[in-house]
PDB file of all heavy atoms in Angstrom:
ATOM      1  N   ASN A   1      -5.423   1.823  -0.778  1.00  0.00           N
ATOM      2  CA  ASN A   1      -5.380   0.567  -1.468  1.00  0.00           C
ATOM      3  C   ASN A   1      -6.609  -0.295  -1.019  1.00  0.00           C
ATOM      4  O   ASN A   1      -6.793  -0.402   0.174  1.00  0.00           O
ATOM      5  CB  ASN A   1      -4.161  -0.246  -1.289  1.00  0.00           C
ATOM      6  CG  ASN A   1      -2.871   0.445  -1.794  1.00  0.00           C
ATOM      7  OD1 ASN A   1      -2.872   0.755  -2.966  1.00  0.00           O
ATOM      8  ND2 ASN A   1      -2.028   0.800  -0.897  1.00  0.00           N
ATOM      9  N   ASN A   2      -7.309  -0.837  -2.069  1.00  0.00           N
ATOM     10  CA  ASN A   2      -8.334  -1.854  -1.745  1.00  0.00           C
ATOM     11  C   ASN A   2      -7.885  -3.314  -1.620  1.00  0.00           C
ATOM     12  O   ASN A   2      -8.420  -4.122  -1.026  1.00  0.00           O
ATOM     13  CB  ASN A   2      -9.489  -1.725  -2.688  1.00  0.00           C
ATOM     14  CG  ASN A   2     -10.193  -0.441  -2.655  1.00  0.00           C
ATOM     15  OD1 ASN A   2     -10.307   0.077  -1.557  1.00  0.00           O
ATOM     16  ND2 ASN A   2     -10.589   0.134  -3.732  1.00  0.00           N
ATOM     17  N   SER A   3      -6.718  -3.508  -2.291  1.00  0.00           N
ATOM     18  CA  SER A   3      -6.095  -4.874  -2.382  1.00  0.00           C
ATOM     19  C   SER A   3      -5.404  -5.169  -1.123  1.00  0.00           C
ATOM     20  O   SER A   3      -4.623  -4.486  -0.587  1.00  0.00           O
ATOM     21  CB  SER A   3      -5.156  -4.904  -3.564  1.00  0.00           C
ATOM     22  OG  SER A   3      -4.299  -6.040  -3.371  1.00  0.00           O
ATOM     23  N   THR A   4      -5.617  -6.345  -0.562  1.00  0.00           N
ATOM     24  CA  THR A   4      -4.929  -6.856   0.636  1.00  0.00           C
ATOM     25  C   THR A   4      -3.445  -6.885   0.407  1.00  0.00           C
ATOM     26  O   THR A   4      -2.665  -6.618   1.211  1.00  0.00           O
ATOM     27  CB  THR A   4      -5.589  -8.172   1.101  1.00  0.00           C
ATOM     28  OG1 THR A   4      -6.934  -8.015   1.240  1.00  0.00           O
ATOM     29  CG2 THR A   4      -4.876  -8.644   2.372  1.00  0.00           C
ATOM     30  N   PHE A   5      -3.102  -7.371  -0.807  1.00  0.00           N
ATOM     31  CA  PHE A   5      -1.623  -7.564  -1.135  1.00  0.00           C
ATOM     32  C   PHE A   5      -1.004  -6.199  -1.063  1.00  0.00           C
ATOM     33  O   PHE A   5       0.086  -6.078  -0.465  1.00  0.00           O
ATOM     34  CB  PHE A   5      -1.586  -8.172  -2.602  1.00  0.00           C
ATOM     35  CG  PHE A   5      -0.124  -8.237  -2.975  1.00  0.00           C
ATOM     36  CD1 PHE A   5       0.777  -9.138  -2.526  1.00  0.00           C
ATOM     37  CD2 PHE A   5       0.393  -7.335  -3.854  1.00  0.00           C
ATOM     38  CE1 PHE A   5       2.136  -9.128  -2.992  1.00  0.00           C
ATOM     39  CE2 PHE A   5       1.795  -7.286  -4.300  1.00  0.00           C
ATOM     40  CZ  PHE A   5       2.552  -8.281  -3.852  1.00  0.00           C
ATOM     41  N   GLU A   6      -1.582  -5.147  -1.802  1.00  0.00           N
ATOM     42  CA  GLU A   6      -0.940  -3.876  -1.731  1.00  0.00           C
ATOM     43  C   GLU A   6      -0.988  -3.230  -0.403  1.00  0.00           C
ATOM     44  O   GLU A   6      -0.022  -2.508  -0.075  1.00  0.00           O
ATOM     45  CB  GLU A   6      -1.816  -2.954  -2.725  1.00  0.00           C
ATOM     46  CG  GLU A   6      -1.572  -3.354  -4.218  1.00  0.00           C
ATOM     47  CD  GLU A   6      -2.415  -2.490  -5.119  1.00  0.00           C
ATOM     48  OE1 GLU A   6      -3.046  -1.565  -4.531  1.00  0.00           O
ATOM     49  OE2 GLU A   6      -2.352  -2.673  -6.273  1.00  0.00           O
ATOM     50  N   ALA A   7      -1.993  -3.511   0.405  1.00  0.00           N
ATOM     51  CA  ALA A   7      -1.956  -2.932   1.698  1.00  0.00           C
ATOM     52  C   ALA A   7      -0.896  -3.475   2.719  1.00  0.00           C
ATOM     53  O   ALA A   7      -0.489  -2.881   3.566  1.00  0.00           O
ATOM     54  CB  ALA A   7      -3.360  -3.199   2.409  1.00  0.00           C
ATOM     55  N   THR A   8      -0.311  -4.695   2.310  1.00  0.00           N
ATOM     56  CA  THR A   8       0.811  -5.246   3.145  1.00  0.00           C
ATOM     57  C   THR A   8       2.138  -4.569   2.803  1.00  0.00           C
ATOM     58  O   THR A   8       3.028  -4.785   3.571  1.00  0.00           O
ATOM     59  CB  THR A   8       0.944  -6.757   2.852  1.00  0.00           C
ATOM     60  OG1 THR A   8       1.202  -6.975   1.646  1.00  0.00           O
ATOM     61  CG2 THR A   8      -0.364  -7.483   3.375  1.00  0.00           C
ATOM     62  N   HIS A   9       2.158  -3.765   1.738  1.00  0.00           N
ATOM     63  CA  HIS A   9       3.324  -3.143   1.334  1.00  0.00           C
ATOM     64  C   HIS A   9       3.174  -1.634   1.536  1.00  0.00           C
ATOM     65  O   HIS A   9       2.587  -0.903   0.826  1.00  0.00           O
ATOM     66  CB  HIS A   9       3.733  -3.373  -0.133  1.00  0.00           C
ATOM     67  CG  HIS A   9       3.873  -4.765  -0.431  1.00  0.00           C
ATOM     68  ND1 HIS A   9       5.080  -5.474  -0.181  1.00  0.00           N
ATOM     69  CD2 HIS A   9       3.123  -5.745  -1.019  1.00  0.00           C
ATOM     70  CE1 HIS A   9       4.955  -6.734  -0.541  1.00  0.00           C
ATOM     71  NE2 HIS A   9       3.848  -6.886  -1.006  1.00  0.00           N
ATOM     72  N   ILE A  10       3.845  -1.189   2.657  1.00  0.00           N
ATOM     73  CA  ILE A  10       3.612   0.111   3.121  1.00  0.00           C
ATOM     74  C   ILE A  10       4.382   1.144   2.107  1.00  0.00           C
ATOM     75  O   ILE A  10       5.506   0.937   1.770  1.00  0.00           O
ATOM     76  CB  ILE A  10       4.150   0.447   4.517  1.00  0.00           C
ATOM     77  CG1 ILE A  10       3.396  -0.507   5.490  1.00  0.00           C
ATOM     78  CG2 ILE A  10       4.094   1.827   4.922  1.00  0.00           C
ATOM     79  CD1 ILE A  10       4.093  -0.532   6.932  1.00  0.00           C
ATOM     80  N   ARG A  11       3.585   2.097   1.651  1.00  0.00           N
ATOM     81  CA  ARG A  11       4.142   3.002   0.727  1.00  0.00           C
ATOM     82  C   ARG A  11       5.270   3.779   1.369  1.00  0.00           C
ATOM     83  O   ARG A  11       5.129   4.311   2.492  1.00  0.00           O
ATOM     84  CB  ARG A  11       3.088   3.939   0.157  1.00  0.00           C
ATOM     85  CG  ARG A  11       3.522   4.781  -0.923  1.00  0.00           C
ATOM     86  CD  ARG A  11       2.368   5.669  -1.475  1.00  0.00           C
ATOM     87  NE  ARG A  11       1.849   6.499  -0.629  1.00  0.00           N
ATOM     88  CZ  ARG A  11       0.569   6.513  -0.314  1.00  0.00           C
ATOM     89  NH1 ARG A  11      -0.339   5.771  -0.914  1.00  0.00           N
ATOM     90  NH2 ARG A  11       0.058   7.386   0.656  1.00  0.00           N
ATOM     91  N   SER A  12       6.317   4.175   0.751  1.00  0.00           N
ATOM     92  CA  SER A  12       7.375   4.932   1.176  1.00  0.00           C
ATOM     93  C   SER A  12       7.014   6.415   1.419  1.00  0.00           C
ATOM     94  O   SER A  12       6.298   6.999   0.594  1.00  0.00           O
ATOM     95  CB  SER A  12       8.599   4.912   0.250  1.00  0.00           C
ATOM     96  OG  SER A  12       9.168   3.593   0.225  1.00  0.00           O
ATOM     97  N   GLN A  13       7.516   6.978   2.437  1.00  0.00           N
ATOM     98  CA  GLN A  13       7.331   8.389   2.831  1.00  0.00           C
ATOM     99  C   GLN A  13       8.665   9.080   2.695  1.00  0.00           C
ATOM    100  O   GLN A  13       9.454   8.907   3.774  1.00  0.00           O
ATOM    101  CB  GLN A  13       6.663   8.542   4.117  1.00  0.00           C
ATOM    102  CG  GLN A  13       5.321   7.889   4.288  1.00  0.00           C
ATOM    103  CD  GLN A  13       4.233   8.565   3.473  1.00  0.00           C
ATOM    104  OE1 GLN A  13       4.252   9.788   3.365  1.00  0.00           O
ATOM    105  NE2 GLN A  13       3.387   7.708   2.916  1.00  0.00           N
ATOM    106  N   LEU A  14       8.999   9.565   1.582  1.00  0.00           N
ATOM    107  CA  LEU A  14      10.438  10.158   1.414  1.00  0.00           C
ATOM    108  C   LEU A  14      10.567  11.448   2.149  1.00  0.00           C
ATOM    109  O   LEU A  14       9.685  12.355   2.042  1.00  0.00           O
ATOM    110  CB  LEU A  14      10.714  10.215  -0.025  1.00  0.00           C
ATOM    111  CG  LEU A  14      10.659   8.993  -0.879  1.00  0.00           C
ATOM    112  CD1 LEU A  14      11.122   9.199  -2.280  1.00  0.00           C
ATOM    113  CD2 LEU A  14      11.615   7.961  -0.182  1.00  0.00           C
ATOM    114  N   HIS A  15      11.610  11.520   2.933  1.00  0.00           N
ATOM    115  CA  HIS A  15      11.998  12.872   3.556  1.00  0.00           C
ATOM    116  C   HIS A  15      13.401  12.779   3.956  1.00  0.00           C
ATOM    117  O   HIS A  15      14.029  11.741   3.972  1.00  0.00           O
ATOM    118  CB  HIS A  15      11.128  13.087   4.714  1.00  0.00           C
ATOM    119  CG  HIS A  15      11.160  12.090   5.841  1.00  0.00           C
ATOM    120  ND1 HIS A  15      10.485  10.903   5.734  1.00  0.00           N
ATOM    121  CD2 HIS A  15      11.940  11.989   6.974  1.00  0.00           C
ATOM    122  CE1 HIS A  15      10.804  10.110   6.859  1.00  0.00           C
ATOM    123  NE2 HIS A  15      11.700  10.841   7.564  1.00  0.00           N
ATOM    124  N   SER A  16      13.872  13.897   4.293  1.00  0.00           N
ATOM    125  CA  SER A  16      15.403  14.015   4.701  1.00  0.00           C
ATOM    126  C   SER A  16      15.519  13.673   6.181  1.00  0.00           C
ATOM    127  O   SER A  16      14.712  14.084   6.920  1.00  0.00           O
ATOM    128  CB  SER A  16      15.906  15.420   4.380  1.00  0.00           C
ATOM    129  OG  SER A  16      17.160  15.574   4.844  1.00  0.00           O
ATOM    130  N   PHE A  17      16.449  12.852   6.459  1.00  0.00           N
ATOM    131  CA  PHE A  17      16.749  12.527   7.900  1.00  0.00           C
ATOM    132  C   PHE A  17      18.319  12.430   8.080  1.00  0.00           C
ATOM    133  O   PHE A  17      19.010  12.146   7.145  1.00  0.00           O
ATOM    134  CB  PHE A  17      15.971  11.327   8.384  1.00  0.00           C
ATOM    135  CG  PHE A  17      16.517   9.990   7.754  1.00  0.00           C
ATOM    136  CD1 PHE A  17      17.442   9.247   8.457  1.00  0.00           C
ATOM    137  CD2 PHE A  17      15.953   9.627   6.591  1.00  0.00           C
ATOM    138  CE1 PHE A  17      17.815   8.041   7.878  1.00  0.00           C
ATOM    139  CE2 PHE A  17      16.481   8.407   6.030  1.00  0.00           C
ATOM    140  CZ  PHE A  17      17.338   7.637   6.661  1.00  0.00           C
ATOM    141  N   VAL A  18      18.709  12.575   9.318  1.00  0.00           N
ATOM    142  CA  VAL A  18      20.106  12.515   9.763  1.00  0.00           C
ATOM    143  C   VAL A  18      20.388  11.129  10.237  1.00  0.00           C
ATOM    144  O   VAL A  18      19.718  10.573  11.083  1.00  0.00           O
ATOM    145  CB  VAL A  18      20.406  13.577  10.777  1.00  0.00           C
ATOM    146  CG1 VAL A  18      21.959  13.433  11.181  1.00  0.00           C
ATOM    147  CG2 VAL A  18      20.159  14.950  10.295  1.00  0.00           C
ATOM    148  N   VAL A  19      21.403  10.422   9.547  1.00  0.00           N
ATOM    149  CA  VAL A  19      21.748   9.029   9.877  1.00  0.00           C
ATOM    150  C   VAL A  19      22.095   8.923  11.367  1.00  0.00           C
ATOM    151  O   VAL A  19      21.654   7.930  12.066  1.00  0.00           O
ATOM    152  CB  VAL A  19      22.772   8.583   8.943  1.00  0.00           C
ATOM    153  CG1 VAL A  19      23.261   7.127   9.389  1.00  0.00           C
ATOM    154  CG2 VAL A  19      22.203   8.519   7.515  1.00  0.00           C
ATOM    155  N   ASP A  20      22.885   9.808  11.813  1.00  0.00           N
ATOM    156  CA  ASP A  20      23.330   9.733  13.206  1.00  0.00           C
ATOM    157  C   ASP A  20      22.204   9.788  14.306  1.00  0.00           C
ATOM    158  O   ASP A  20      22.190   9.155  15.255  1.00  0.00           O
ATOM    159  CB  ASP A  20      24.316  10.885  13.572  1.00  0.00           C
ATOM    160  CG  ASP A  20      25.653  10.666  12.801  1.00  0.00           C
ATOM    161  OD1 ASP A  20      25.972   9.504  12.435  1.00  0.00           O
ATOM    162  OD2 ASP A  20      26.331  11.676  12.588  1.00  0.00           O
ATOM    163  N   GLN A  21      21.126  10.512  13.925  1.00  0.00           N
ATOM    164  CA  GLN A  21      19.878  10.500  14.777  1.00  0.00           C
ATOM    165  C   GLN A  21      19.258   9.250  14.848  1.00  0.00           C
ATOM    166  O   GLN A  21      18.817   8.772  15.864  1.00  0.00           O
ATOM    167  CB  GLN A  21      18.973  11.634  14.356  1.00  0.00           C
ATOM    168  CG  GLN A  21      19.401  12.952  14.691  1.00  0.00           C
ATOM    169  CD  GLN A  21      18.194  14.009  14.258  1.00  0.00           C
ATOM    170  OE1 GLN A  21      17.479  13.742  13.322  1.00  0.00           O
ATOM    171  NE2 GLN A  21      18.285  15.190  14.896  1.00  0.00           N
ATOM    172  N   MET A  22      19.160   8.515  13.607  1.00  0.00           N
ATOM    173  CA  MET A  22      18.572   7.242  13.643  1.00  0.00           C
ATOM    174  C   MET A  22      19.372   6.274  14.421  1.00  0.00           C
ATOM    175  O   MET A  22      18.825   5.447  15.053  1.00  0.00           O
ATOM    176  CB  MET A  22      18.416   6.721  12.131  1.00  0.00           C
ATOM    177  CG  MET A  22      17.670   5.428  12.081  1.00  0.00           C
ATOM    178  SD  MET A  22      17.403   4.856  10.502  1.00  0.00           S
ATOM    179  CE  MET A  22      19.118   4.678   9.826  1.00  0.00           C
ATOM    180  N   VAL A  23      20.692   6.276  14.245  1.00  0.00           N
ATOM    181  CA  VAL A  23      21.517   5.492  15.048  1.00  0.00           C
ATOM    182  C   VAL A  23      21.303   5.660  16.527  1.00  0.00           C
ATOM    183  O   VAL A  23      21.159   4.733  17.364  1.00  0.00           O
ATOM    184  CB  VAL A  23      23.077   5.581  14.738  1.00  0.00           C
ATOM    185  CG1 VAL A  23      23.909   4.909  15.668  1.00  0.00           C
ATOM    186  CG2 VAL A  23      23.235   5.169  13.278  1.00  0.00           C
ATOM    187  N   ASP A  24      21.220   6.917  16.989  1.00  0.00           N
ATOM    188  CA  ASP A  24      20.936   7.165  18.445  1.00  0.00           C
ATOM    189  C   ASP A  24      19.585   6.592  18.837  1.00  0.00           C
ATOM    190  O   ASP A  24      19.511   6.031  19.848  1.00  0.00           O
ATOM    191  CB  ASP A  24      20.966   8.692  18.569  1.00  0.00           C
ATOM    192  CG  ASP A  24      22.214   9.400  18.509  1.00  0.00           C
ATOM    193  OD1 ASP A  24      23.287   8.623  18.520  1.00  0.00           O
ATOM    194  OD2 ASP A  24      22.271  10.523  18.333  1.00  0.00           O
TER     195      ASP A  24
END
């Protein structure tokens, strides 16, 4: 992104993850 506004919104990186690992 060249736009400062767009650069402040980090694009999502979708992937599978285990909720219990995130809690840990």
